[in-house]
Amino acid sequence: MKTIKFFLIGAAAVAGFFLSLINGSVEISSAQVFADLFGGGEIALDETKRQILENIRLPRTIVAMLVGVNLSLSGAILQAVMKNPLADPHIIGISSGAGLFGIFVMMVANDAILVTPAAFVGAMLAATLIYLLAWKDGIRPIRVILAGVAVSAFLGAGISALLIFYSDKVHGALLWMVGGLSARSWQHVEILLPYSIAGTILTFLAARHLNVLQLGDEVAKGLGLRVNLVRTILTAVAALLAASAVCVVGLLGFVGLIVPHTARLILGSDYRILLPGAAFLGAAVVTISDTFARTIFAPTELPVGILMAMLGAPFFLYLLRKEL
């Protein structure tokens, strides 16, 4: 039964990929998309539609899928490491740390190459600070949330200060803070892809360690797991995944909260199955949400971050009431 569910999630990711390519202000049929991507079709695209498909929709869709994978895996790791079902890179402030450092480099240094490393440093510092603030004879879920909210508010104030000091660049920064996929190109795919591949491989390799962590620290130590070292490394991987997504699409929230929970309800808590399931589901959620956001009010495009917040906030409140 789990195998069928897993393949259905994979099918949803594939469907999200093609829905994103087909839908938009310019009509491109599914047959034309298949013919252009795989060749051999008799239905040809004119040059304008080919440019739209290959240089606008395709890179945007690939970025959406990679971002969905990164944020979903990051959320799944954080929920295990912090023993908190409400943990999410956006909610607990890791994305804000990445955002503050990333936007600082973007505005001050104006160097695109340094944005992702700077965002990673910011995400790691935020995660470390949250962990230290939440530690008191162990980690409790509610303390992680409270510490994360406080750190996120502090870092958000830093972002607001940067927007005031560099008001001439505020428009682009505001769009980045909301989280959106508008005008994402092959350059963004090239920036994101190496981090996505490395982070995904490291996450899948850590599935067994994540399963052991669910047994509790004492049992994990008894099984020979170096808990603190593993937790530190996994937090770094989660920060890398979140930071790479943030530097490309901005502060896109709630993906890392909604997707791991949904995958857990469908596939169970075995991280060997949960992680690939969350990756596929994250790709499906972001691509389908982005397609909906950019077509529902066409020709006006709604940033996907707004739609994810509208979906994620009620989900977060439901989980909060359930956990407390």
C-alpha atoms as a PDB file:
ATOM      1  CA  MET A   1       0.000   0.000   0.000  1.00  0.00           C
ATOM      2  CA  LYS A   2       2.851   2.405   0.827  1.00  0.00           C
ATOM      3  CA  THR A   3       4.414   1.653  -2.547  1.00  0.00           C
ATOM      4  CA  ILE A   4       1.227   2.737  -4.316  1.00  0.00           C
ATOM      5  CA  LYS A   5       1.045   5.912  -2.228  1.00  0.00           C
ATOM      6  CA  PHE A   6       4.693   6.671  -2.960  1.00  0.00           C
ATOM      7  CA  PHE A   7       4.179   6.326  -6.709  1.00  0.00           C
ATOM      8  CA  LEU A   8       1.069   8.525  -6.500  1.00  0.00           C
ATOM      9  CA  ILE A   9       3.161  11.248  -4.848  1.00  0.00           C
ATOM     10  CA  GLY A  10       5.752  10.848  -7.602  1.00  0.00           C
ATOM     11  CA  ALA A  11       2.985  11.127 -10.192  1.00  0.00           C
ATOM     12  CA  ALA A  12       1.800  14.346  -8.522  1.00  0.00           C
ATOM     13  CA  ALA A  13       5.319  15.794  -8.901  1.00  0.00           C
ATOM     14  CA  VAL A  14       5.374  14.871 -12.601  1.00  0.00           C
ATOM     15  CA  ALA A  15       1.879  16.321 -13.053  1.00  0.00           C
ATOM     16  CA  GLY A  16       2.955  19.546 -11.337  1.00  0.00           C
ATOM     17  CA  PHE A  17       5.938  19.779 -13.691  1.00  0.00           C
ATOM     18  CA  PHE A  18       3.812  19.552 -16.841  1.00  0.00           C
ATOM     19  CA  LEU A  19       0.985  21.735 -15.470  1.00  0.00           C
ATOM     20  CA  SER A  20       3.536  24.472 -14.858  1.00  0.00           C
ATOM     21  CA  LEU A  21       4.826  24.203 -18.434  1.00  0.00           C
ATOM     22  CA  ILE A  22       1.404  24.112 -20.058  1.00  0.00           C
ATOM     23  CA  ASN A  23      -0.383  26.892 -18.173  1.00  0.00           C
ATOM     24  CA  GLY A  24       0.285  30.589 -18.605  1.00  0.00           C
ATOM     25  CA  SER A  25      -0.725  33.711 -20.486  1.00  0.00           C
ATOM     26  CA  VAL A  26       0.343  32.064 -23.768  1.00  0.00           C
ATOM     27  CA  GLU A  27      -1.449  28.812 -24.560  1.00  0.00           C
ATOM     28  CA  ILE A  28       0.858  25.845 -25.132  1.00  0.00           C
ATOM     29  CA  SER A  29      -0.778  22.432 -25.406  1.00  0.00           C
ATOM     30  CA  SER A  30       0.485  19.319 -23.657  1.00  0.00           C
ATOM     31  CA  ALA A  31       1.216  17.738 -27.053  1.00  0.00           C
ATOM     32  CA  GLN A  32       3.404  20.711 -27.990  1.00  0.00           C
ATOM     33  CA  VAL A  33       5.257  20.498 -24.682  1.00  0.00           C
ATOM     34  CA  PHE A  34       5.940  16.779 -25.143  1.00  0.00           C
ATOM     35  CA  ALA A  35       7.032  17.337 -28.736  1.00  0.00           C
ATOM     36  CA  ASP A  36       9.457  20.093 -27.750  1.00  0.00           C
ATOM     37  CA  LEU A  37      10.935  18.304 -24.733  1.00  0.00           C
ATOM     38  CA  PHE A  38      11.220  14.797 -26.133  1.00  0.00           C
ATOM     39  CA  GLY A  39      11.204  15.358 -29.892  1.00  0.00           C
ATOM     40  CA  GLY A  40       9.626  13.211 -32.546  1.00  0.00           C
ATOM     41  CA  GLY A  41       6.282  14.991 -32.422  1.00  0.00           C
ATOM     42  CA  GLU A  42       4.479  16.357 -35.434  1.00  0.00           C
ATOM     43  CA  ILE A  43       3.063  19.348 -33.544  1.00  0.00           C
ATOM     44  CA  ALA A  44       5.679  22.040 -33.817  1.00  0.00           C
ATOM     45  CA  LEU A  45       6.013  25.190 -31.726  1.00  0.00           C
ATOM     46  CA  ASP A  46       6.580  28.525 -33.370  1.00  0.00           C
ATOM     47  CA  GLU A  47       9.696  30.411 -32.317  1.00  0.00           C
ATOM     48  CA  THR A  48       7.882  32.676 -29.828  1.00  0.00           C
ATOM     49  CA  LYS A  49       6.271  29.781 -27.985  1.00  0.00           C
ATOM     50  CA  ARG A  50       9.536  27.837 -28.023  1.00  0.00           C
ATOM     51  CA  GLN A  51      11.346  30.749 -26.375  1.00  0.00           C
ATOM     52  CA  ILE A  52       8.588  31.061 -23.762  1.00  0.00           C
ATOM     53  CA  LEU A  53       8.692  27.341 -22.992  1.00  0.00           C
ATOM     54  CA  GLU A  54      12.450  26.801 -22.994  1.00  0.00           C
ATOM     55  CA  ASN A  55      13.702  30.078 -21.507  1.00  0.00           C
ATOM     56  CA  ILE A  56      10.857  31.194 -19.221  1.00  0.00           C
ATOM     57  CA  ARG A  57       8.611  28.346 -18.093  1.00  0.00           C
ATOM     58  CA  LEU A  58      11.090  25.460 -18.033  1.00  0.00           C
ATOM     59  CA  PRO A  59      13.776  27.089 -15.837  1.00  0.00           C
ATOM     60  CA  ARG A  60      11.086  28.547 -13.557  1.00  0.00           C
ATOM     61  CA  THR A  61       9.518  25.103 -13.155  1.00  0.00           C
ATOM     62  CA  ILE A  62      12.863  23.445 -12.424  1.00  0.00           C
ATOM     63  CA  VAL A  63      13.646  26.112  -9.813  1.00  0.00           C
ATOM     64  CA  ALA A  64      10.211  25.559  -8.246  1.00  0.00           C
ATOM     65  CA  MET A  65      10.808  21.813  -7.995  1.00  0.00           C
ATOM     66  CA  LEU A  66      14.302  22.202  -6.530  1.00  0.00           C
ATOM     67  CA  VAL A  67      13.066  24.754  -3.988  1.00  0.00           C
ATOM     68  CA  GLY A  68      10.215  22.438  -3.006  1.00  0.00           C
ATOM     69  CA  VAL A  69      12.655  19.557  -2.506  1.00  0.00           C
ATOM     70  CA  ASN A  70      15.127  21.670  -0.511  1.00  0.00           C
ATOM     71  CA  LEU A  71      12.609  23.236   1.851  1.00  0.00           C
ATOM     72  CA  SER A  72      10.743  19.967   2.408  1.00  0.00           C
ATOM     73  CA  LEU A  73      13.900  18.037   3.271  1.00  0.00           C
ATOM     74  CA  SER A  74      15.112  20.888   5.468  1.00  0.00           C
ATOM     75  CA  GLY A  75      11.833  20.861   7.392  1.00  0.00           C
ATOM     76  CA  ALA A  76      11.885  17.075   7.773  1.00  0.00           C
ATOM     77  CA  ILE A  77      15.427  17.195   9.188  1.00  0.00           C
ATOM     78  CA  LEU A  78      14.666  20.038  11.607  1.00  0.00           C
ATOM     79  CA  GLN A  79      11.534  18.317  12.916  1.00  0.00           C
ATOM     80  CA  ALA A  80      13.627  15.248  13.760  1.00  0.00           C
ATOM     81  CA  VAL A  81      16.706  17.046  15.085  1.00  0.00           C
ATOM     82  CA  MET A  82      14.825  19.543  17.241  1.00  0.00           C
ATOM     83  CA  LYS A  83      12.198  17.009  18.317  1.00  0.00           C
ATOM     84  CA  ASN A  84       9.578  19.495  17.260  1.00  0.00           C
ATOM     85  CA  PRO A  85       6.736  18.684  14.849  1.00  0.00           C
ATOM     86  CA  LEU A  86       6.240  22.430  14.339  1.00  0.00           C
ATOM     87  CA  ALA A  87       9.816  23.097  13.229  1.00  0.00           C
ATOM     88  CA  ASP A  88      10.172  24.723   9.831  1.00  0.00           C
ATOM     89  CA  PRO A  89      13.017  26.843   8.412  1.00  0.00           C
ATOM     90  CA  HIS A  90      10.701  29.820   8.050  1.00  0.00           C
ATOM     91  CA  ILE A  91       8.824  29.617  11.357  1.00  0.00           C
ATOM     92  CA  ILE A  92      11.799  29.068  13.660  1.00  0.00           C
ATOM     93  CA  GLY A  93      13.945  31.759  12.076  1.00  0.00           C
ATOM     94  CA  ILE A  94      16.514  29.843  10.017  1.00  0.00           C
ATOM     95  CA  SER A  95      15.194  31.373   6.799  1.00  0.00           C
ATOM     96  CA  SER A  96      15.332  34.801   8.430  1.00  0.00           C
ATOM     97  CA  GLY A  97      19.004  34.265   9.251  1.00  0.00           C
ATOM     98  CA  ALA A  98      19.676  33.246   5.671  1.00  0.00           C
ATOM     99  CA  GLY A  99      17.612  36.193   4.479  1.00  0.00           C
ATOM    100  CA  LEU A 100      19.437  38.773   6.585  1.00  0.00           C
ATOM    101  CA  PHE A 101      22.902  37.702   5.489  1.00  0.00           C
ATOM    102  CA  GLY A 102      21.815  37.117   1.908  1.00  0.00           C
ATOM    103  CA  ILE A 103      20.128  40.488   1.528  1.00  0.00           C
ATOM    104  CA  PHE A 104      23.097  42.201   3.194  1.00  0.00           C
ATOM    105  CA  VAL A 105      25.461  40.772   0.577  1.00  0.00           C
ATOM    106  CA  MET A 106      22.934  41.481  -2.158  1.00  0.00           C
ATOM    107  CA  MET A 107      22.584  45.147  -1.212  1.00  0.00           C
ATOM    108  CA  VAL A 108      26.011  46.036   0.147  1.00  0.00           C
ATOM    109  CA  ALA A 109      28.463  43.829  -1.751  1.00  0.00           C
ATOM    110  CA  ASN A 110      26.232  43.359  -4.815  1.00  0.00           C
ATOM    111  CA  ASP A 111      27.925  40.035  -5.486  1.00  0.00           C
ATOM    112  CA  ALA A 112      25.609  37.199  -6.581  1.00  0.00           C
ATOM    113  CA  ILE A 113      28.304  34.545  -6.084  1.00  0.00           C
ATOM    114  CA  LEU A 114      28.570  35.299  -2.356  1.00  0.00           C
ATOM    115  CA  VAL A 115      24.819  35.329  -1.662  1.00  0.00           C
ATOM    116  CA  THR A 116      24.400  31.575  -1.099  1.00  0.00           C
ATOM    117  CA  PRO A 117      27.498  31.109   1.149  1.00  0.00           C
ATOM    118  CA  ALA A 118      26.466  34.183   3.146  1.00  0.00           C
ATOM    119  CA  ALA A 119      22.892  32.876   3.453  1.00  0.00           C
ATOM    120  CA  PHE A 120      24.251  29.525   4.670  1.00  0.00           C
ATOM    121  CA  VAL A 121      26.326  31.245   7.369  1.00  0.00           C
ATOM    122  CA  GLY A 122      23.282  33.238   8.454  1.00  0.00           C
ATOM    123  CA  ALA A 123      21.101  30.128   8.560  1.00  0.00           C
ATOM    124  CA  MET A 124      23.672  28.218  10.631  1.00  0.00           C
ATOM    125  CA  LEU A 125      24.085  31.082  13.115  1.00  0.00           C
ATOM    126  CA  ALA A 126      20.309  31.369  13.482  1.00  0.00           C
ATOM    127  CA  ALA A 127      19.942  27.601  14.013  1.00  0.00           C
ATOM    128  CA  THR A 128      22.730  27.589  16.603  1.00  0.00           C
ATOM    129  CA  LEU A 129      21.240  30.534  18.477  1.00  0.00           C
ATOM    130  CA  ILE A 130      17.778  28.943  18.509  1.00  0.00           C
ATOM    131  CA  TYR A 131      19.206  25.674  19.754  1.00  0.00           C
ATOM    132  CA  LEU A 132      21.146  27.395  22.569  1.00  0.00           C
ATOM    133  CA  LEU A 133      18.159  29.479  23.640  1.00  0.00           C
ATOM    134  CA  ALA A 134      15.853  26.459  23.634  1.00  0.00           C
ATOM    135  CA  TRP A 135      18.227  24.209  25.601  1.00  0.00           C
ATOM    136  CA  LYS A 136      17.429  23.770  29.279  1.00  0.00           C
ATOM    137  CA  ASP A 137      17.898  20.234  30.557  1.00  0.00           C
ATOM    138  CA  GLY A 138      17.075  19.054  27.062  1.00  0.00           C
ATOM    139  CA  ILE A 139      14.983  20.317  24.162  1.00  0.00           C
ATOM    140  CA  ARG A 140      11.250  20.865  24.428  1.00  0.00           C
ATOM    141  CA  PRO A 141       9.121  21.650  21.333  1.00  0.00           C
ATOM    142  CA  ILE A 142       7.459  24.740  22.790  1.00  0.00           C
ATOM    143  CA  ARG A 143      10.821  26.284  23.739  1.00  0.00           C
ATOM    144  CA  VAL A 144      12.073  25.814  20.177  1.00  0.00           C
ATOM    145  CA  ILE A 145       9.034  27.641  18.813  1.00  0.00           C
ATOM    146  CA  LEU A 146       9.334  30.507  21.306  1.00  0.00           C
ATOM    147  CA  ALA A 147      13.072  30.854  20.740  1.00  0.00           C
ATOM    148  CA  GLY A 148      12.528  30.702  16.978  1.00  0.00           C
ATOM    149  CA  VAL A 149       9.856  33.394  17.049  1.00  0.00           C
ATOM    150  CA  ALA A 150      12.113  35.667  19.101  1.00  0.00           C
ATOM    151  CA  VAL A 151      15.140  35.106  16.839  1.00  0.00           C
ATOM    152  CA  SER A 152      13.008  35.533  13.713  1.00  0.00           C
ATOM    153  CA  ALA A 153      11.630  38.845  15.019  1.00  0.00           C
ATOM    154  CA  PHE A 154      15.138  40.086  15.836  1.00  0.00           C
ATOM    155  CA  LEU A 155      16.499  39.117  12.417  1.00  0.00           C
ATOM    156  CA  GLY A 156      13.409  40.569  10.731  1.00  0.00           C
ATOM    157  CA  ALA A 157      14.205  43.884  12.381  1.00  0.00           C
ATOM    158  CA  GLY A 158      17.685  43.692  10.849  1.00  0.00           C
ATOM    159  CA  ILE A 159      16.197  43.095   7.401  1.00  0.00           C
ATOM    160  CA  SER A 160      13.844  46.070   7.866  1.00  0.00           C
ATOM    161  CA  ALA A 161      16.801  48.254   8.844  1.00  0.00           C
ATOM    162  CA  LEU A 162      18.649  47.258   5.662  1.00  0.00           C
ATOM    163  CA  LEU A 163      15.597  48.172   3.604  1.00  0.00           C
ATOM    164  CA  ILE A 164      15.556  51.619   5.188  1.00  0.00           C
ATOM    165  CA  PHE A 165      19.266  52.269   4.678  1.00  0.00           C
ATOM    166  CA  TYR A 166      19.158  51.016   1.078  1.00  0.00           C
ATOM    167  CA  SER A 167      15.752  52.345   0.087  1.00  0.00           C
ATOM    168  CA  ASP A 168      16.753  52.624  -3.592  1.00  0.00           C
ATOM    169  CA  LYS A 169      16.794  48.804  -3.784  1.00  0.00           C
ATOM    170  CA  VAL A 170      13.707  48.233  -1.681  1.00  0.00           C
ATOM    171  CA  HIS A 171      11.364  47.088  -4.471  1.00  0.00           C
ATOM    172  CA  GLY A 172      13.417  44.053  -5.441  1.00  0.00           C
ATOM    173  CA  ALA A 173      14.099  43.250  -1.796  1.00  0.00           C
ATOM    174  CA  LEU A 174      10.397  43.336  -0.902  1.00  0.00           C
ATOM    175  CA  LEU A 175       9.573  40.879  -3.687  1.00  0.00           C
ATOM    176  CA  TRP A 176      12.412  38.693  -2.431  1.00  0.00           C
ATOM    177  CA  MET A 177      11.086  38.819   1.144  1.00  0.00           C
ATOM    178  CA  VAL A 178       7.609  37.670   0.080  1.00  0.00           C
ATOM    179  CA  GLY A 179       8.995  34.675  -1.801  1.00  0.00           C
ATOM    180  CA  GLY A 180       8.327  34.301  -5.502  1.00  0.00           C
ATOM    181  CA  LEU A 181       9.469  32.635  -8.692  1.00  0.00           C
ATOM    182  CA  SER A 182       8.939  35.462 -11.141  1.00  0.00           C
ATOM    183  CA  ALA A 183      11.692  35.882 -13.760  1.00  0.00           C
ATOM    184  CA  ARG A 184      13.656  32.871 -12.547  1.00  0.00           C
ATOM    185  CA  SER A 185      16.037  31.769 -15.296  1.00  0.00           C
ATOM    186  CA  TRP A 186      18.634  29.132 -16.156  1.00  0.00           C
ATOM    187  CA  GLN A 187      21.147  31.157 -14.145  1.00  0.00           C
ATOM    188  CA  HIS A 188      19.096  30.495 -11.017  1.00  0.00           C
ATOM    189  CA  VAL A 189      18.941  26.794 -11.892  1.00  0.00           C
ATOM    190  CA  GLU A 190      22.744  26.734 -12.111  1.00  0.00           C
ATOM    191  CA  ILE A 191      23.029  28.476  -8.724  1.00  0.00           C
ATOM    192  CA  LEU A 192      20.590  26.157  -6.967  1.00  0.00           C
ATOM    193  CA  LEU A 193      21.290  22.769  -8.552  1.00  0.00           C
ATOM    194  CA  PRO A 194      24.694  21.939  -6.937  1.00  0.00           C
ATOM    195  CA  TYR A 195      23.393  22.733  -3.437  1.00  0.00           C
ATOM    196  CA  SER A 196      20.214  20.738  -4.076  1.00  0.00           C
ATOM    197  CA  ILE A 197      22.134  17.682  -5.268  1.00  0.00           C
ATOM    198  CA  ALA A 198      24.645  17.782  -2.406  1.00  0.00           C
ATOM    199  CA  GLY A 199      22.004  18.475   0.260  1.00  0.00           C
ATOM    200  CA  THR A 200      19.636  15.788  -1.025  1.00  0.00           C
ATOM    201  CA  ILE A 201      22.352  13.116  -1.138  1.00  0.00           C
ATOM    202  CA  LEU A 202      23.524  13.966   2.392  1.00  0.00           C
ATOM    203  CA  THR A 203      19.936  13.910   3.658  1.00  0.00           C
ATOM    204  CA  PHE A 204      19.160  10.515   2.152  1.00  0.00           C
ATOM    205  CA  LEU A 205      22.391   9.107   3.558  1.00  0.00           C
ATOM    206  CA  ALA A 206      21.316  10.325   7.012  1.00  0.00           C
ATOM    207  CA  ALA A 207      17.932   8.550   6.958  1.00  0.00           C
ATOM    208  CA  ARG A 208      19.080   5.800   9.320  1.00  0.00           C
ATOM    209  CA  HIS A 209      20.479   8.346  11.794  1.00  0.00           C
ATOM    210  CA  LEU A 210      17.195  10.275  11.721  1.00  0.00           C
ATOM    211  CA  ASN A 211      15.307   7.073  12.513  1.00  0.00           C
ATOM    212  CA  VAL A 212      17.588   6.420  15.484  1.00  0.00           C
ATOM    213  CA  LEU A 213      17.144   9.979  16.776  1.00  0.00           C
ATOM    214  CA  GLN A 214      13.386   9.382  16.989  1.00  0.00           C
ATOM    215  CA  LEU A 215      14.044   6.796  19.722  1.00  0.00           C
ATOM    216  CA  GLY A 216      15.358   9.472  22.093  1.00  0.00           C
ATOM    217  CA  ASP A 217      18.846  10.626  22.996  1.00  0.00           C
ATOM    218  CA  GLU A 218      19.543   7.957  25.620  1.00  0.00           C
ATOM    219  CA  VAL A 219      18.502   5.073  23.387  1.00  0.00           C
ATOM    220  CA  ALA A 220      20.403   6.590  20.449  1.00  0.00           C
ATOM    221  CA  LYS A 221      23.557   6.882  22.552  1.00  0.00           C
ATOM    222  CA  GLY A 222      23.074   3.299  23.703  1.00  0.00           C
ATOM    223  CA  LEU A 223      22.992   2.239  20.057  1.00  0.00           C
ATOM    224  CA  GLY A 224      26.341   3.941  19.508  1.00  0.00           C
ATOM    225  CA  LEU A 225      25.124   7.135  17.833  1.00  0.00           C
ATOM    226  CA  ARG A 226      27.134  10.279  18.584  1.00  0.00           C
ATOM    227  CA  VAL A 227      23.991  12.323  19.113  1.00  0.00           C
ATOM    228  CA  ASN A 228      25.418  15.824  19.427  1.00  0.00           C
ATOM    229  CA  LEU A 229      27.735  15.425  16.430  1.00  0.00           C
ATOM    230  CA  VAL A 230      24.969  13.946  14.267  1.00  0.00           C
ATOM    231  CA  ARG A 231      22.549  16.669  15.316  1.00  0.00           C
ATOM    232  CA  THR A 232      25.090  19.377  14.459  1.00  0.00           C
ATOM    233  CA  ILE A 233      25.855  17.900  11.037  1.00  0.00           C
ATOM    234  CA  LEU A 234      22.185  17.421  10.196  1.00  0.00           C
ATOM    235  CA  THR A 235      21.371  20.971  11.283  1.00  0.00           C
ATOM    236  CA  ALA A 236      24.115  22.174   8.925  1.00  0.00           C
ATOM    237  CA  VAL A 237      22.594  20.151   6.075  1.00  0.00           C
ATOM    238  CA  ALA A 238      19.135  21.575   6.824  1.00  0.00           C
ATOM    239  CA  ALA A 239      20.600  25.092   6.918  1.00  0.00           C
ATOM    240  CA  LEU A 240      22.355  24.525   3.573  1.00  0.00           C
ATOM    241  CA  LEU A 241      19.131  23.351   1.941  1.00  0.00           C
ATOM    242  CA  ALA A 242      17.111  26.239   3.353  1.00  0.00           C
ATOM    243  CA  ALA A 243      19.766  28.858   2.563  1.00  0.00           C
ATOM    244  CA  SER A 244      20.115  27.765  -1.070  1.00  0.00           C
ATOM    245  CA  ALA A 245      16.350  28.007  -1.526  1.00  0.00           C
ATOM    246  CA  VAL A 246      16.152  31.388   0.212  1.00  0.00           C
ATOM    247  CA  CYS A 247      18.920  32.936  -1.876  1.00  0.00           C
ATOM    248  CA  VAL A 248      17.062  32.075  -5.103  1.00  0.00           C
ATOM    249  CA  VAL A 249      13.362  32.607  -4.301  1.00  0.00           C
ATOM    250  CA  GLY A 250      13.399  34.609  -1.075  1.00  0.00           C
ATOM    251  CA  LEU A 251      11.586  33.902   2.178  1.00  0.00           C
ATOM    252  CA  LEU A 252       9.140  31.250   0.980  1.00  0.00           C
ATOM    253  CA  GLY A 253       7.483  29.949   4.119  1.00  0.00           C
ATOM    254  CA  PHE A 254       5.520  26.934   5.370  1.00  0.00           C
ATOM    255  CA  VAL A 255       6.695  24.447   2.709  1.00  0.00           C
ATOM    256  CA  GLY A 256       8.988  22.821   5.259  1.00  0.00           C
ATOM    257  CA  LEU A 257       6.091  22.582   7.715  1.00  0.00           C
ATOM    258  CA  ILE A 258       3.226  21.361   5.535  1.00  0.00           C
ATOM    259  CA  VAL A 259       5.021  18.867   3.313  1.00  0.00           C
ATOM    260  CA  PRO A 260       6.871  16.687   5.893  1.00  0.00           C
ATOM    261  CA  HIS A 261       3.710  16.408   7.990  1.00  0.00           C
ATOM    262  CA  THR A 262       1.594  15.428   5.007  1.00  0.00           C
ATOM    263  CA  ALA A 263       4.219  12.930   3.840  1.00  0.00           C
ATOM    264  CA  ARG A 264       4.367  11.471   7.352  1.00  0.00           C
ATOM    265  CA  LEU A 265       0.588  11.007   7.420  1.00  0.00           C
ATOM    266  CA  ILE A 266       0.678   9.262   4.035  1.00  0.00           C
ATOM    267  CA  LEU A 267       3.873   7.211   4.255  1.00  0.00           C
ATOM    268  CA  GLY A 268       4.586   6.814   7.960  1.00  0.00           C
ATOM    269  CA  SER A 269       7.596   7.830  10.059  1.00  0.00           C
ATOM    270  CA  ASP A 270      10.342   5.701   8.507  1.00  0.00           C
ATOM    271  CA  TYR A 271      12.744   8.330   7.168  1.00  0.00           C
ATOM    272  CA  ARG A 272      14.060   5.953   4.504  1.00  0.00           C
ATOM    273  CA  ILE A 273      10.651   6.294   2.828  1.00  0.00           C
ATOM    274  CA  LEU A 274       9.579   9.622   4.283  1.00  0.00           C
ATOM    275  CA  LEU A 275      12.484  11.660   2.882  1.00  0.00           C
ATOM    276  CA  PRO A 276      12.084  10.753  -0.817  1.00  0.00           C
ATOM    277  CA  GLY A 277       8.316  11.026  -0.404  1.00  0.00           C
ATOM    278  CA  ALA A 278       8.666  14.512   1.100  1.00  0.00           C
ATOM    279  CA  ALA A 279      11.029  15.504  -1.729  1.00  0.00           C
ATOM    280  CA  PHE A 280       8.523  14.494  -4.421  1.00  0.00           C
ATOM    281  CA  LEU A 281       5.609  16.021  -2.521  1.00  0.00           C
ATOM    282  CA  GLY A 282       7.513  19.284  -1.984  1.00  0.00           C
ATOM    283  CA  ALA A 283       8.233  19.535  -5.707  1.00  0.00           C
ATOM    284  CA  ALA A 284       4.552  18.937  -6.452  1.00  0.00           C
ATOM    285  CA  VAL A 285       3.266  21.449  -3.887  1.00  0.00           C
ATOM    286  CA  VAL A 286       5.515  24.320  -4.969  1.00  0.00           C
ATOM    287  CA  THR A 287       5.058  23.814  -8.725  1.00  0.00           C
ATOM    288  CA  ILE A 288       1.278  23.457  -8.502  1.00  0.00           C
ATOM    289  CA  SER A 289       0.988  26.383  -6.071  1.00  0.00           C
ATOM    290  CA  ASP A 290       3.129  28.576  -8.315  1.00  0.00           C
ATOM    291  CA  THR A 291       1.071  27.640 -11.375  1.00  0.00           C
ATOM    292  CA  PHE A 292      -2.127  28.510  -9.521  1.00  0.00           C
ATOM    293  CA  ALA A 293      -0.681  31.767  -8.131  1.00  0.00           C
ATOM    294  CA  ARG A 294       0.443  33.080 -11.516  1.00  0.00           C
ATOM    295  CA  THR A 295      -2.724  32.123 -13.425  1.00  0.00           C
ATOM    296  CA  ILE A 296      -5.625  32.761 -11.033  1.00  0.00           C
ATOM    297  CA  PHE A 297      -5.407  36.570 -11.337  1.00  0.00           C
ATOM    298  CA  ALA A 298      -3.779  36.675 -14.795  1.00  0.00           C
ATOM    299  CA  PRO A 299      -2.327  38.872 -16.177  1.00  0.00           C
ATOM    300  CA  THR A 300      -1.406  39.949 -12.605  1.00  0.00           C
ATOM    301  CA  GLU A 301       0.968  37.459 -11.001  1.00  0.00           C
ATOM    302  CA  LEU A 302       0.595  36.633  -7.316  1.00  0.00           C
ATOM    303  CA  PRO A 303       3.879  35.656  -5.615  1.00  0.00           C
ATOM    304  CA  VAL A 304       3.706  32.027  -4.568  1.00  0.00           C
ATOM    305  CA  GLY A 305       4.872  32.995  -1.062  1.00  0.00           C
ATOM    306  CA  ILE A 306       1.548  34.747  -0.435  1.00  0.00           C
ATOM    307  CA  LEU A 307      -0.397  31.642  -1.435  1.00  0.00           C
ATOM    308  CA  MET A 308       1.794  29.381   0.706  1.00  0.00           C
ATOM    309  CA  ALA A 309       1.249  31.685   3.694  1.00  0.00           C
ATOM    310  CA  MET A 310      -2.526  31.540   3.167  1.00  0.00           C
ATOM    311  CA  LEU A 311      -2.338  27.742   3.151  1.00  0.00           C
ATOM    312  CA  GLY A 312       0.346  27.344   5.790  1.00  0.00           C
ATOM    313  CA  ALA A 313      -0.891  29.643   8.551  1.00  0.00           C
ATOM    314  CA  PRO A 314      -4.141  27.703   9.219  1.00  0.00           C
ATOM    315  CA  PHE A 315      -2.186  24.440   9.016  1.00  0.00           C
ATOM    316  CA  PHE A 316       0.299  25.747  11.590  1.00  0.00           C
ATOM    317  CA  LEU A 317      -2.507  26.809  13.957  1.00  0.00           C
ATOM    318  CA  TYR A 318      -4.107  23.371  13.605  1.00  0.00           C
ATOM    319  CA  LEU A 319      -0.836  21.659  14.492  1.00  0.00           C
ATOM    320  CA  LEU A 320      -0.212  24.079  17.365  1.00  0.00           C
ATOM    321  CA  ARG A 321      -3.602  23.289  18.937  1.00  0.00           C
ATOM    322  CA  LYS A 322      -3.077  19.589  18.362  1.00  0.00           C
ATOM    323  CA  GLU A 323       0.374  19.545  19.970  1.00  0.00           C
ATOM    324  CA  LEU A 324      -0.552  21.731  22.940  1.00  0.00           C
END
